Amino acid sequence: MTRARVHRWSAQPRASRLADQELLWFPSSRNPHFSEGVLGRLAERGWTPRLRIVDGHHHALYCRHLQSSPNLVALRPQDTVGAEAGMAWRPLPPDAPHERFVLAAPADSPWAALLGTQPDRP
């Protein structure tokens, strides 16, 4: 979870009180199954956030929203948050939802070699 450094949770070791927080989100039409899955898992754990939909692809735009809104948080991997962005990353509780991604490619494609699954060729 990411928030601006001045956010009231920035000094807390774990973000656990989300009830009054908005969630910085993307238009669900971009990836409806992912969006539905993540929001459903959050609801199962008692948080149905009010969404702030941002239709942009630039990291700077997301940072600007987070830095200018005291009750706005974002779900981001830890390694995507740098100190230069003025953000603080805090883990969600241990029972937070986790997503797994799989990358697949046809066995005879150049991508298969990169994945380490290309069969030996004569």
PDB file of N, CA and C in Angstrom:
ATOM      1  N   MET A   1       0.844  -1.158   0.000  1.00  0.00           N
ATOM      2  CA  MET A   1       0.000   0.000   0.000  1.00  0.00           C
ATOM      3  C   MET A   1       0.890   1.222   0.000  1.00  0.00           C
ATOM      4  N   THR A   2       0.527   2.191  -0.778  1.00  0.00           N
ATOM      5  CA  THR A   2       1.325   3.397  -0.924  1.00  0.00           C
ATOM      6  C   THR A   2       0.511   4.611  -0.529  1.00  0.00           C
ATOM      7  N   ARG A   3       1.190   5.549   0.049  1.00  0.00           N
ATOM      8  CA  ARG A   3       0.545   6.818   0.357  1.00  0.00           C
ATOM      9  C   ARG A   3       1.615   7.895   0.415  1.00  0.00           C
ATOM     10  N   ALA A   4       1.193   9.124   0.388  1.00  0.00           N
ATOM     11  CA  ALA A   4       2.152  10.212   0.474  1.00  0.00           C
ATOM     12  C   ALA A   4       2.841  10.170   1.834  1.00  0.00           C
ATOM     13  N   ARG A   5       4.076  10.612   1.907  1.00  0.00           N
ATOM     14  CA  ARG A   5       4.820  10.603   3.162  1.00  0.00           C
ATOM     15  C   ARG A   5       4.142  11.384   4.262  1.00  0.00           C
ATOM     16  N   VAL A   6       3.385  12.394   3.918  1.00  0.00           N
ATOM     17  CA  VAL A   6       2.724  13.198   4.934  1.00  0.00           C
ATOM     18  C   VAL A   6       1.417  12.564   5.401  1.00  0.00           C
ATOM     19  N   HIS A   7       1.043  11.463   4.830  1.00  0.00           N
ATOM     20  CA  HIS A   7      -0.175  10.767   5.216  1.00  0.00           C
ATOM     21  C   HIS A   7      -0.081  10.373   6.683  1.00  0.00           C
ATOM     22  N   ARG A   8      -1.189  10.404   7.396  1.00  0.00           N
ATOM     23  CA  ARG A   8      -1.164  10.135   8.831  1.00  0.00           C
ATOM     24  C   ARG A   8      -0.718   8.724   9.161  1.00  0.00           C
ATOM     25  N   TRP A   9      -0.713   7.813   8.212  1.00  0.00           N
ATOM     26  CA  TRP A   9      -0.261   6.444   8.477  1.00  0.00           C
ATOM     27  C   TRP A   9       1.208   6.247   8.181  1.00  0.00           C
ATOM     28  N   SER A  10       1.875   7.229   7.640  1.00  0.00           N
ATOM     29  CA  SER A  10       3.238   7.034   7.153  1.00  0.00           C
ATOM     30  C   SER A  10       4.183   6.508   8.221  1.00  0.00           C
ATOM     31  N   ALA A  11       3.992   6.874   9.453  1.00  0.00           N
ATOM     32  CA  ALA A  11       4.889   6.434  10.520  1.00  0.00           C
ATOM     33  C   ALA A  11       4.437   5.119  11.144  1.00  0.00           C
ATOM     34  N   GLN A  12       3.253   4.672  10.845  1.00  0.00           N
ATOM     35  CA  GLN A  12       2.755   3.434  11.436  1.00  0.00           C
ATOM     36  C   GLN A  12       3.367   2.240  10.721  1.00  0.00           C
ATOM     37  N   PRO A  13       3.663   1.175  11.466  1.00  0.00           N
ATOM     38  CA  PRO A  13       4.289   0.013  10.865  1.00  0.00           C
ATOM     39  C   PRO A  13       3.367  -0.763   9.945  1.00  0.00           C
ATOM     40  N   ARG A  14       2.076  -0.679  10.106  1.00  0.00           N
ATOM     41  CA  ARG A  14       1.166  -1.472   9.282  1.00  0.00           C
ATOM     42  C   ARG A  14      -0.121  -0.671   9.042  1.00  0.00           C
ATOM     43  N   ALA A  15      -0.554  -0.646   7.810  1.00  0.00           N
ATOM     44  CA  ALA A  15      -1.805   0.035   7.488  1.00  0.00           C
ATOM     45  C   ALA A  15      -2.955  -0.915   7.783  1.00  0.00           C
ATOM     46  N   SER A  16      -3.739  -0.628   8.790  1.00  0.00           N
ATOM     47  CA  SER A  16      -4.807  -1.551   9.148  1.00  0.00           C
ATOM     48  C   SER A  16      -6.172  -0.890   9.268  1.00  0.00           C
ATOM     49  N   ARG A  17      -6.217   0.407   9.285  1.00  0.00           N
ATOM     50  CA  ARG A  17      -7.513   1.084   9.389  1.00  0.00           C
ATOM     51  C   ARG A  17      -7.805   1.793   8.080  1.00  0.00           C
ATOM     52  N   LEU A  18      -8.641   1.158   7.276  1.00  0.00           N
ATOM     53  CA  LEU A  18      -8.880   1.656   5.932  1.00  0.00           C
ATOM     54  C   LEU A  18     -10.252   2.275   5.733  1.00  0.00           C
ATOM     55  N   ALA A  19     -11.110   2.215   6.734  1.00  0.00           N
ATOM     56  CA  ALA A  19     -12.521   2.566   6.552  1.00  0.00           C
ATOM     57  C   ALA A  19     -12.734   3.929   5.902  1.00  0.00           C
ATOM     58  N   ASP A  20     -11.965   4.928   6.263  1.00  0.00           N
ATOM     59  CA  ASP A  20     -12.203   6.277   5.733  1.00  0.00           C
ATOM     60  C   ASP A  20     -11.266   6.628   4.582  1.00  0.00           C
ATOM     61  N   GLN A  21     -10.609   5.635   4.018  1.00  0.00           N
ATOM     62  CA  GLN A  21      -9.654   5.890   2.944  1.00  0.00           C
ATOM     63  C   GLN A  21     -10.267   5.644   1.572  1.00  0.00           C
ATOM     64  N   GLU A  22      -9.918   6.516   0.637  1.00  0.00           N
ATOM     65  CA  GLU A  22     -10.258   6.295  -0.767  1.00  0.00           C
ATOM     66  C   GLU A  22      -9.160   5.429  -1.372  1.00  0.00           C
ATOM     67  N   LEU A  23      -9.510   4.679  -2.397  1.00  0.00           N
ATOM     68  CA  LEU A  23      -8.533   3.855  -3.094  1.00  0.00           C
ATOM     69  C   LEU A  23      -8.308   4.409  -4.489  1.00  0.00           C
ATOM     70  N   LEU A  24      -7.067   4.736  -4.798  1.00  0.00           N
ATOM     71  CA  LEU A  24      -6.711   5.178  -6.143  1.00  0.00           C
ATOM     72  C   LEU A  24      -6.787   3.957  -7.055  1.00  0.00           C
ATOM     73  N   TRP A  25      -7.612   4.035  -8.091  1.00  0.00           N
ATOM     74  CA  TRP A  25      -7.936   2.864  -8.903  1.00  0.00           C
ATOM     75  C   TRP A  25      -7.920   3.226 -10.370  1.00  0.00           C
ATOM     76  N   PHE A  26      -8.016   2.249 -11.200  1.00  0.00           N
ATOM     77  CA  PHE A  26      -8.006   2.417 -12.655  1.00  0.00           C
ATOM     78  C   PHE A  26      -9.408   2.121 -13.186  1.00  0.00           C
ATOM     79  N   PRO A  27      -9.725   2.543 -14.412  1.00  0.00           N
ATOM     80  CA  PRO A  27     -11.025   2.200 -14.981  1.00  0.00           C
ATOM     81  C   PRO A  27     -11.164   0.674 -15.062  1.00  0.00           C
ATOM     82  N   SER A  28     -12.163   0.127 -14.423  1.00  0.00           N
ATOM     83  CA  SER A  28     -12.341  -1.325 -14.374  1.00  0.00           C
ATOM     84  C   SER A  28     -12.486  -1.945 -15.753  1.00  0.00           C
ATOM     85  N   SER A  29     -12.903  -1.162 -16.740  1.00  0.00           N
ATOM     86  CA  SER A  29     -13.057  -1.696 -18.092  1.00  0.00           C
ATOM     87  C   SER A  29     -11.716  -2.140 -18.683  1.00  0.00           C
ATOM     88  N   ARG A  30     -10.599  -1.647 -18.157  1.00  0.00           N
ATOM     89  CA  ARG A  30      -9.284  -2.060 -18.657  1.00  0.00           C
ATOM     90  C   ARG A  30      -8.993  -3.525 -18.340  1.00  0.00           C
ATOM     91  N   ASN A  31      -9.446  -3.966 -17.186  1.00  0.00           N
ATOM     92  CA  ASN A  31      -9.202  -5.344 -16.771  1.00  0.00           C
ATOM     93  C   ASN A  31     -10.303  -5.734 -15.777  1.00  0.00           C
ATOM     94  N   PRO A  32     -11.507  -6.002 -16.278  1.00  0.00           N
ATOM     95  CA  PRO A  32     -12.655  -6.201 -15.392  1.00  0.00           C
ATOM     96  C   PRO A  32     -12.503  -7.379 -14.431  1.00  0.00           C
ATOM     97  N   HIS A  33     -11.913  -8.478 -14.869  1.00  0.00           N
ATOM     98  CA  HIS A  33     -11.792  -9.636 -13.981  1.00  0.00           C
ATOM     99  C   HIS A  33     -10.822  -9.358 -12.836  1.00  0.00           C
ATOM    100  N   PHE A  34      -9.712  -8.716 -13.139  1.00  0.00           N
ATOM    101  CA  PHE A  34      -8.753  -8.354 -12.102  1.00  0.00           C
ATOM    102  C   PHE A  34      -9.388  -7.389 -11.109  1.00  0.00           C
ATOM    103  N   SER A  35     -10.016  -6.346 -11.639  1.00  0.00           N
ATOM    104  CA  SER A  35     -10.646  -5.346 -10.794  1.00  0.00           C
ATOM    105  C   SER A  35     -11.694  -5.979  -9.877  1.00  0.00           C
ATOM    106  N   GLU A  36     -12.561  -6.775 -10.457  1.00  0.00           N
ATOM    107  CA  GLU A  36     -13.610  -7.439  -9.686  1.00  0.00           C
ATOM    108  C   GLU A  36     -13.007  -8.358  -8.611  1.00  0.00           C
ATOM    109  N   GLY A  37     -11.965  -9.077  -8.980  1.00  0.00           N
ATOM    110  CA  GLY A  37     -11.330  -9.992  -8.039  1.00  0.00           C
ATOM    111  C   GLY A  37     -10.698  -9.282  -6.856  1.00  0.00           C
ATOM    112  N   VAL A  38      -9.915  -8.239  -7.127  1.00  0.00           N
ATOM    113  CA  VAL A  38      -9.241  -7.510  -6.046  1.00  0.00           C
ATOM    114  C   VAL A  38     -10.256  -6.809  -5.152  1.00  0.00           C
ATOM    115  N   LEU A  39     -11.203  -6.109  -5.757  1.00  0.00           N
ATOM    116  CA  LEU A  39     -12.192  -5.399  -4.945  1.00  0.00           C
ATOM    117  C   LEU A  39     -13.058  -6.383  -4.156  1.00  0.00           C
ATOM    118  N   GLY A  40     -13.363  -7.539  -4.742  1.00  0.00           N
ATOM    119  CA  GLY A  40     -14.119  -8.561  -4.028  1.00  0.00           C
ATOM    120  C   GLY A  40     -13.358  -9.089  -2.827  1.00  0.00           C
ATOM    121  N   ARG A  41     -12.051  -9.326  -2.994  1.00  0.00           N
ATOM    122  CA  ARG A  41     -11.239  -9.811  -1.880  1.00  0.00           C
ATOM    123  C   ARG A  41     -11.134  -8.769  -0.779  1.00  0.00           C
ATOM    124  N   LEU A  42     -11.032  -7.501  -1.157  1.00  0.00           N
ATOM    125  CA  LEU A  42     -10.999  -6.449  -0.150  1.00  0.00           C
ATOM    126  C   LEU A  42     -12.325  -6.397   0.613  1.00  0.00           C
ATOM    127  N   ALA A  43     -13.432  -6.528  -0.114  1.00  0.00           N
ATOM    128  CA  ALA A  43     -14.761  -6.503   0.527  1.00  0.00           C
ATOM    129  C   ALA A  43     -14.918  -7.679   1.481  1.00  0.00           C
ATOM    130  N   GLU A  44     -14.399  -8.851   1.110  1.00  0.00           N
ATOM    131  CA  GLU A  44     -14.462 -10.015   1.993  1.00  0.00           C
ATOM    132  C   GLU A  44     -13.752  -9.752   3.312  1.00  0.00           C
ATOM    133  N   ARG A  45     -12.777  -8.881   3.292  1.00  0.00           N
ATOM    134  CA  ARG A  45     -12.018  -8.553   4.491  1.00  0.00           C
ATOM    135  C   ARG A  45     -12.513  -7.283   5.169  1.00  0.00           C
ATOM    136  N   GLY A  46     -13.675  -6.806   4.735  1.00  0.00           N
ATOM    137  CA  GLY A  46     -14.319  -5.699   5.436  1.00  0.00           C
ATOM    138  C   GLY A  46     -14.058  -4.310   4.904  1.00  0.00           C
ATOM    139  N   TRP A  47     -13.421  -4.189   3.761  1.00  0.00           N
ATOM    140  CA  TRP A  47     -13.182  -2.860   3.205  1.00  0.00           C
ATOM    141  C   TRP A  47     -13.759  -2.772   1.817  1.00  0.00           C
ATOM    142  N   THR A  48     -14.752  -1.907   1.673  1.00  0.00           N
ATOM    143  CA  THR A  48     -15.318  -1.589   0.360  1.00  0.00           C
ATOM    144  C   THR A  48     -15.017  -0.111   0.132  1.00  0.00           C
ATOM    145  N   PRO A  49     -13.859   0.167  -0.445  1.00  0.00           N
ATOM    146  CA  PRO A  49     -13.427   1.557  -0.541  1.00  0.00           C
ATOM    147  C   PRO A  49     -14.211   2.359  -1.561  1.00  0.00           C
ATOM    148  N   ARG A  50     -14.256   3.634  -1.302  1.00  0.00           N
ATOM    149  CA  ARG A  50     -14.720   4.560  -2.322  1.00  0.00           C
ATOM    150  C   ARG A  50     -13.555   4.697  -3.288  1.00  0.00           C
ATOM    151  N   LEU A  51     -13.822   4.537  -4.568  1.00  0.00           N
ATOM    152  CA  LEU A  51     -12.760   4.532  -5.571  1.00  0.00           C
ATOM    153  C   LEU A  51     -12.551   5.906  -6.180  1.00  0.00           C
ATOM    154  N   ARG A  52     -11.327   6.270  -6.371  1.00  0.00           N
ATOM    155  CA  ARG A  52     -10.989   7.447  -7.168  1.00  0.00           C
ATOM    156  C   ARG A  52     -10.383   6.916  -8.457  1.00  0.00           C
ATOM    157  N   ILE A  53     -11.156   6.975  -9.511  1.00  0.00           N
ATOM    158  CA  ILE A  53     -10.741   6.425 -10.801  1.00  0.00           C
ATOM    159  C   ILE A  53      -9.854   7.433 -11.509  1.00  0.00           C
ATOM    160  N   VAL A  54      -8.672   6.998 -11.882  1.00  0.00           N
ATOM    161  CA  VAL A  54      -7.739   7.831 -12.642  1.00  0.00           C
ATOM    162  C   VAL A  54      -7.472   7.125 -13.959  1.00  0.00           C
ATOM    163  N   ASP A  55      -7.805   7.792 -15.047  1.00  0.00           N
ATOM    164  CA  ASP A  55      -7.640   7.200 -16.364  1.00  0.00           C
ATOM    165  C   ASP A  55      -6.354   7.739 -16.992  1.00  0.00           C
ATOM    166  N   GLY A  56      -5.258   7.261 -16.501  1.00  0.00           N
ATOM    167  CA  GLY A  56      -3.960   7.677 -17.016  1.00  0.00           C
ATOM    168  C   GLY A  56      -2.953   6.578 -16.766  1.00  0.00           C
ATOM    169  N   HIS A  57      -1.856   6.634 -17.485  1.00  0.00           N
ATOM    170  CA  HIS A  57      -0.846   5.588 -17.370  1.00  0.00           C
ATOM    171  C   HIS A  57       0.462   6.099 -16.781  1.00  0.00           C
ATOM    172  N   HIS A  58       0.523   7.333 -16.357  1.00  0.00           N
ATOM    173  CA  HIS A  58       1.781   7.914 -15.916  1.00  0.00           C
ATOM    174  C   HIS A  58       1.924   7.842 -14.405  1.00  0.00           C
ATOM    175  N   HIS A  59       3.062   7.334 -13.973  1.00  0.00           N
ATOM    176  CA  HIS A  59       3.350   7.205 -12.546  1.00  0.00           C
ATOM    177  C   HIS A  59       3.251   8.566 -11.854  1.00  0.00           C
ATOM    178  N   ALA A  60       3.708   9.622 -12.529  1.00  0.00           N
ATOM    179  CA  ALA A  60       3.681  10.959 -11.946  1.00  0.00           C
ATOM    180  C   ALA A  60       2.255  11.407 -11.632  1.00  0.00           C
ATOM    181  N   LEU A  61       1.306  11.012 -12.461  1.00  0.00           N
ATOM    182  CA  LEU A  61      -0.091  11.364 -12.221  1.00  0.00           C
ATOM    183  C   LEU A  61      -0.598  10.699 -10.945  1.00  0.00           C
ATOM    184  N   TYR A  62      -0.270   9.426 -10.772  1.00  0.00           N
ATOM    185  CA  TYR A  62      -0.683   8.725  -9.562  1.00  0.00           C
ATOM    186  C   TYR A  62      -0.035   9.352  -8.328  1.00  0.00           C
ATOM    187  N   CYS A  63       1.236   9.676  -8.423  1.00  0.00           N
ATOM    188  CA  CYS A  63       1.934  10.307  -7.303  1.00  0.00           C
ATOM    189  C   CYS A  63       1.292  11.636  -6.942  1.00  0.00           C
ATOM    190  N   ARG A  64       0.944  12.403  -7.948  1.00  0.00           N
ATOM    191  CA  ARG A  64       0.324  13.710  -7.694  1.00  0.00           C
ATOM    192  C   ARG A  64      -0.985  13.547  -6.927  1.00  0.00           C
ATOM    193  N   HIS A  65      -1.806  12.587  -7.330  1.00  0.00           N
ATOM    194  CA  HIS A  65      -3.058  12.341  -6.624  1.00  0.00           C
ATOM    195  C   HIS A  65      -2.789  11.942  -5.170  1.00  0.00           C
ATOM    196  N   LEU A  66      -1.844  11.038  -4.971  1.00  0.00           N
ATOM    197  CA  LEU A  66      -1.547  10.572  -3.616  1.00  0.00           C
ATOM    198  C   LEU A  66      -0.993  11.692  -2.741  1.00  0.00           C
ATOM    199  N   GLN A  67      -0.161  12.522  -3.306  1.00  0.00           N
ATOM    200  CA  GLN A  67       0.460  13.597  -2.539  1.00  0.00           C
ATOM    201  C   GLN A  67      -0.501  14.729  -2.220  1.00  0.00           C
ATOM    202  N   SER A  68      -1.559  14.851  -2.985  1.00  0.00           N
ATOM    203  CA  SER A  68      -2.475  15.977  -2.777  1.00  0.00           C
ATOM    204  C   SER A  68      -3.779  15.587  -2.071  1.00  0.00           C
ATOM    205  N   SER A  69      -3.897  14.345  -1.655  1.00  0.00           N
ATOM    206  CA  SER A  69      -5.132  13.877  -1.033  1.00  0.00           C
ATOM    207  C   SER A  69      -4.829  13.168   0.276  1.00  0.00           C
ATOM    208  N   PRO A  70      -5.257  13.713   1.395  1.00  0.00           N
ATOM    209  CA  PRO A  70      -4.904  13.135   2.691  1.00  0.00           C
ATOM    210  C   PRO A  70      -5.535  11.777   2.991  1.00  0.00           C
ATOM    211  N   ASN A  71      -6.629  11.430   2.350  1.00  0.00           N
ATOM    212  CA  ASN A  71      -7.298  10.149   2.620  1.00  0.00           C
ATOM    213  C   ASN A  71      -7.287   9.228   1.408  1.00  0.00           C
ATOM    214  N   LEU A  72      -6.200   9.256   0.668  1.00  0.00           N
ATOM    215  CA  LEU A  72      -6.098   8.446  -0.541  1.00  0.00           C
ATOM    216  C   LEU A  72      -4.927   7.480  -0.413  1.00  0.00           C
ATOM    217  N   VAL A  73      -5.179   6.225  -0.719  1.00  0.00           N
ATOM    218  CA  VAL A  73      -4.131   5.202  -0.715  1.00  0.00           C
ATOM    219  C   VAL A  73      -4.180   4.450  -2.035  1.00  0.00           C
ATOM    220  N   ALA A  74      -3.120   3.723  -2.329  1.00  0.00           N
ATOM    221  CA  ALA A  74      -3.045   2.921  -3.549  1.00  0.00           C
ATOM    222  C   ALA A  74      -2.449   1.567  -3.201  1.00  0.00           C
ATOM    223  N   LEU A  75      -2.863   0.552  -3.913  1.00  0.00           N
ATOM    224  CA  LEU A  75      -2.291  -0.779  -3.756  1.00  0.00           C
ATOM    225  C   LEU A  75      -1.170  -0.909  -4.775  1.00  0.00           C
ATOM    226  N   ARG A  76       0.049  -1.004  -4.297  1.00  0.00           N
ATOM    227  CA  ARG A  76       1.214  -1.061  -5.176  1.00  0.00           C
ATOM    228  C   ARG A  76       2.230  -2.038  -4.612  1.00  0.00           C
ATOM    229  N   PRO A  77       2.969  -2.732  -5.488  1.00  0.00           N
ATOM    230  CA  PRO A  77       4.070  -3.559  -4.998  1.00  0.00           C
ATOM    231  C   PRO A  77       5.142  -2.679  -4.357  1.00  0.00           C
ATOM    232  N   GLN A  78       5.810  -3.193  -3.359  1.00  0.00           N
ATOM    233  CA  GLN A  78       6.808  -2.420  -2.631  1.00  0.00           C
ATOM    234  C   GLN A  78       7.911  -1.883  -3.528  1.00  0.00           C
ATOM    235  N   ASP A  79       8.351  -2.675  -4.490  1.00  0.00           N
ATOM    236  CA  ASP A  79       9.477  -2.251  -5.320  1.00  0.00           C
ATOM    237  C   ASP A  79       9.120  -1.183  -6.347  1.00  0.00           C
ATOM    238  N   THR A  80       7.866  -0.768  -6.414  1.00  0.00           N
ATOM    239  CA  THR A  80       7.488   0.295  -7.349  1.00  0.00           C
ATOM    240  C   THR A  80       7.435   1.654  -6.682  1.00  0.00           C
ATOM    241  N   VAL A  81       7.733   1.703  -5.398  1.00  0.00           N
ATOM    242  CA  VAL A  81       7.640   2.960  -4.656  1.00  0.00           C
ATOM    243  C   VAL A  81       9.039   3.414  -4.277  1.00  0.00           C
ATOM    244  N   GLY A  82       9.459   4.519  -4.858  1.00  0.00           N
ATOM    245  CA  GLY A  82      10.788   5.041  -4.572  1.00  0.00           C
ATOM    246  C   GLY A  82      10.715   6.259  -3.678  1.00  0.00           C
ATOM    247  N   ALA A  83      11.766   6.490  -2.938  1.00  0.00           N
ATOM    248  CA  ALA A  83      11.824   7.647  -2.039  1.00  0.00           C
ATOM    249  C   ALA A  83      11.708   8.956  -2.815  1.00  0.00           C
ATOM    250  N   GLU A  84      12.196   8.937  -4.053  1.00  0.00           N
ATOM    251  CA  GLU A  84      12.147  10.165  -4.845  1.00  0.00           C
ATOM    252  C   GLU A  84      10.720  10.596  -5.148  1.00  0.00           C
ATOM    253  N   ALA A  85       9.786   9.678  -5.058  1.00  0.00           N
ATOM    254  CA  ALA A  85       8.390  10.007  -5.344  1.00  0.00           C
ATOM    255  C   ALA A  85       7.684  10.598  -4.130  1.00  0.00           C
ATOM    256  N   GLY A  86       8.367  10.640  -2.979  1.00  0.00           N
ATOM    257  CA  GLY A  86       7.744  11.182  -1.781  1.00  0.00           C
ATOM    258  C   GLY A  86       6.669  10.269  -1.232  1.00  0.00           C
ATOM    259  N   MET A  87       6.817   8.976  -1.475  1.00  0.00           N
ATOM    260  CA  MET A  87       5.818   8.011  -1.036  1.00  0.00           C
ATOM    261  C   MET A  87       6.381   7.147   0.087  1.00  0.00           C
ATOM    262  N   ALA A  88       5.480   6.614   0.877  1.00  0.00           N
ATOM    263  CA  ALA A  88       5.845   5.644   1.909  1.00  0.00           C
ATOM    264  C   ALA A  88       5.050   4.381   1.643  1.00  0.00           C
ATOM    265  N   TRP A  89       5.708   3.238   1.735  1.00  0.00           N
ATOM    266  CA  TRP A  89       5.037   1.960   1.506  1.00  0.00           C
ATOM    267  C   TRP A  89       4.850   1.275   2.837  1.00  0.00           C
ATOM    268  N   ARG A  90       3.659   0.747   3.066  1.00  0.00           N
ATOM    269  CA  ARG A  90       3.370  -0.015   4.274  1.00  0.00           C
ATOM    270  C   ARG A  90       2.655  -1.288   3.869  1.00  0.00           C
ATOM    271  N   PRO A  91       2.982  -2.402   4.511  1.00  0.00           N
ATOM    272  CA  PRO A  91       2.331  -3.669   4.159  1.00  0.00           C
ATOM    273  C   PRO A  91       0.894  -3.708   4.644  1.00  0.00           C
ATOM    274  N   LEU A  92       0.088  -4.448   3.930  1.00  0.00           N
ATOM    275  CA  LEU A  92      -1.264  -4.723   4.390  1.00  0.00           C
ATOM    276  C   LEU A  92      -1.187  -5.823   5.443  1.00  0.00           C
ATOM    277  N   PRO A  93      -2.257  -6.059   6.169  1.00  0.00           N
ATOM    278  CA  PRO A  93      -2.254  -7.137   7.156  1.00  0.00           C
ATOM    279  C   PRO A  93      -1.900  -8.473   6.503  1.00  0.00           C
ATOM    280  N   PRO A  94      -1.442  -9.443   7.305  1.00  0.00           N
ATOM    281  CA  PRO A  94      -0.973 -10.717   6.758  1.00  0.00           C
ATOM    282  C   PRO A  94      -2.008 -11.469   5.919  1.00  0.00           C
ATOM    283  N   ASP A  95      -3.282 -11.272   6.178  1.00  0.00           N
ATOM    284  CA  ASP A  95      -4.298 -12.010   5.420  1.00  0.00           C
ATOM    285  C   ASP A  95      -4.745 -11.262   4.168  1.00  0.00           C
ATOM    286  N   ALA A  96      -3.957 -10.285   3.755  1.00  0.00           N
ATOM    287  CA  ALA A  96      -4.313  -9.502   2.564  1.00  0.00           C
ATOM    288  C   ALA A  96      -4.298 -10.387   1.320  1.00  0.00           C
ATOM    289  N   PRO A  97      -5.130 -10.053   0.338  1.00  0.00           N
ATOM    290  CA  PRO A  97      -5.140 -10.852  -0.896  1.00  0.00           C
ATOM    291  C   PRO A  97      -3.823 -10.716  -1.648  1.00  0.00           C
ATOM    292  N   HIS A  98      -3.428 -11.790  -2.276  1.00  0.00           N
ATOM    293  CA  HIS A  98      -2.226 -11.802  -3.100  1.00  0.00           C
ATOM    294  C   HIS A  98      -2.619 -12.294  -4.486  1.00  0.00           C
ATOM    295  N   GLU A  99      -2.002 -11.732  -5.479  1.00  0.00           N
ATOM    296  CA  GLU A  99      -2.256 -12.135  -6.849  1.00  0.00           C
ATOM    297  C   GLU A  99      -1.038 -12.864  -7.385  1.00  0.00           C
ATOM    298  N   ARG A 100      -1.264 -13.877  -8.176  1.00  0.00           N
ATOM    299  CA  ARG A 100      -0.182 -14.568  -8.871  1.00  0.00           C
ATOM    300  C   ARG A 100      -0.414 -14.391 -10.358  1.00  0.00           C
ATOM    301  N   PHE A 101       0.667 -14.135 -11.053  1.00  0.00           N
ATOM    302  CA  PHE A 101       0.594 -13.948 -12.491  1.00  0.00           C
ATOM    303  C   PHE A 101       1.410 -15.036 -13.181  1.00  0.00           C
ATOM    304  N   VAL A 102       0.940 -15.450 -14.314  1.00  0.00           N
ATOM    305  CA  VAL A 102       1.617 -16.473 -15.094  1.00  0.00           C
ATOM    306  C   VAL A 102       1.881 -15.906 -16.478  1.00  0.00           C
ATOM    307  N   LEU A 103       3.082 -16.152 -16.965  1.00  0.00           N
ATOM    308  CA  LEU A 103       3.430 -15.734 -18.309  1.00  0.00           C
ATOM    309  C   LEU A 103       3.568 -16.983 -19.156  1.00  0.00           C
ATOM    310  N   ALA A 104       2.827 -17.039 -20.224  1.00  0.00           N
ATOM    311  CA  ALA A 104       2.845 -18.210 -21.098  1.00  0.00           C
ATOM    312  C   ALA A 104       3.167 -17.763 -22.521  1.00  0.00           C
ATOM    313  N   ALA A 105       3.801 -18.662 -23.255  1.00  0.00           N
ATOM    314  CA  ALA A 105       4.136 -18.377 -24.649  1.00  0.00           C
ATOM    315  C   ALA A 105       4.093 -19.683 -25.427  1.00  0.00           C
ATOM    316  N   PRO A 106       3.769 -19.612 -26.737  1.00  0.00           N
ATOM    317  CA  PRO A 106       3.826 -20.832 -27.560  1.00  0.00           C
ATOM    318  C   PRO A 106       5.236 -21.428 -27.511  1.00  0.00           C
ATOM    319  N   ALA A 107       5.317 -22.750 -27.469  1.00  0.00           N
ATOM    320  CA  ALA A 107       6.601 -23.437 -27.321  1.00  0.00           C
ATOM    321  C   ALA A 107       7.582 -23.125 -28.445  1.00  0.00           C
ATOM    322  N   ASP A 108       7.090 -22.815 -29.629  1.00  0.00           N
ATOM    323  CA  ASP A 108       7.996 -22.559 -30.747  1.00  0.00           C
ATOM    324  C   ASP A 108       8.251 -21.068 -30.989  1.00  0.00           C
ATOM    325  N   SER A 109       7.942 -20.240 -30.016  1.00  0.00           N
ATOM    326  CA  SER A 109       8.137 -18.800 -30.184  1.00  0.00           C
ATOM    327  C   SER A 109       9.448 -18.345 -29.539  1.00  0.00           C
ATOM    328  N   PRO A 110       9.951 -17.194 -29.957  1.00  0.00           N
ATOM    329  CA  PRO A 110      11.167 -16.648 -29.324  1.00  0.00           C
ATOM    330  C   PRO A 110      10.972 -16.399 -27.826  1.00  0.00           C
ATOM    331  N   TRP A 111       9.750 -16.094 -27.425  1.00  0.00           N
ATOM    332  CA  TRP A 111       9.468 -15.855 -26.009  1.00  0.00           C
ATOM    333  C   TRP A 111       9.664 -17.114 -25.179  1.00  0.00           C
ATOM    334  N   ALA A 112       9.422 -18.271 -25.748  1.00  0.00           N
ATOM    335  CA  ALA A 112       9.583 -19.519 -25.009  1.00  0.00           C
ATOM    336  C   ALA A 112      11.024 -19.688 -24.535  1.00  0.00           C
ATOM    337  N   ALA A 113      11.988 -19.294 -25.379  1.00  0.00           N
ATOM    338  CA  ALA A 113      13.384 -19.390 -24.981  1.00  0.00           C
ATOM    339  C   ALA A 113      13.664 -18.506 -23.771  1.00  0.00           C
ATOM    340  N   LEU A 114      13.080 -17.335 -23.757  1.00  0.00           N
ATOM    341  CA  LEU A 114      13.266 -16.439 -22.620  1.00  0.00           C
ATOM    342  C   LEU A 114      12.657 -17.004 -21.338  1.00  0.00           C
ATOM    343  N   LEU A 115      11.604 -17.760 -21.501  1.00  0.00           N
ATOM    344  CA  LEU A 115      10.939 -18.371 -20.351  1.00  0.00           C
ATOM    345  C   LEU A 115      11.614 -19.671 -19.930  1.00  0.00           C
ATOM    346  N   GLY A 116      12.531 -20.139 -20.745  1.00  0.00           N
ATOM    347  CA  GLY A 116      13.236 -21.362 -20.427  1.00  0.00           C
ATOM    348  C   GLY A 116      12.453 -22.620 -20.700  1.00  0.00           C
ATOM    349  N   THR A 117      11.482 -22.535 -21.616  1.00  0.00           N
ATOM    350  CA  THR A 117      10.643 -23.703 -21.909  1.00  0.00           C
ATOM    351  C   THR A 117      10.735 -24.145 -23.350  1.00  0.00           C
ATOM    352  N   GLN A 118      11.597 -23.537 -24.119  1.00  0.00           N
ATOM    353  CA  GLN A 118      11.686 -23.892 -25.541  1.00  0.00           C
ATOM    354  C   GLN A 118      12.347 -25.265 -25.672  1.00  0.00           C
ATOM    355  N   PRO A 119      11.710 -26.163 -26.409  1.00  0.00           N
ATOM    356  CA  PRO A 119      12.310 -27.492 -26.573  1.00  0.00           C
ATOM    357  C   PRO A 119      13.604 -27.409 -27.378  1.00  0.00           C
ATOM    358  N   ASP A 120      14.471 -28.394 -27.156  1.00  0.00           N
ATOM    359  CA  ASP A 120      15.714 -28.449 -27.932  1.00  0.00           C
ATOM    360  C   ASP A 120      15.394 -28.635 -29.402  1.00  0.00           C
ATOM    361  N   ARG A 121      16.091 -27.933 -30.233  1.00  0.00           N
ATOM    362  CA  ARG A 121      15.867 -28.037 -31.688  1.00  0.00           C
ATOM    363  C   ARG A 121      17.095 -28.638 -32.340  1.00  0.00           C
ATOM    364  N   PRO A 122      16.884 -29.448 -33.378  1.00  0.00           N
ATOM    365  CA  PRO A 122      18.030 -30.044 -34.080  1.00  0.00           C
ATOM    366  C   PRO A 122      18.847 -29.017 -34.827  1.00  0.00           C
TER     367      PRO A 122
END
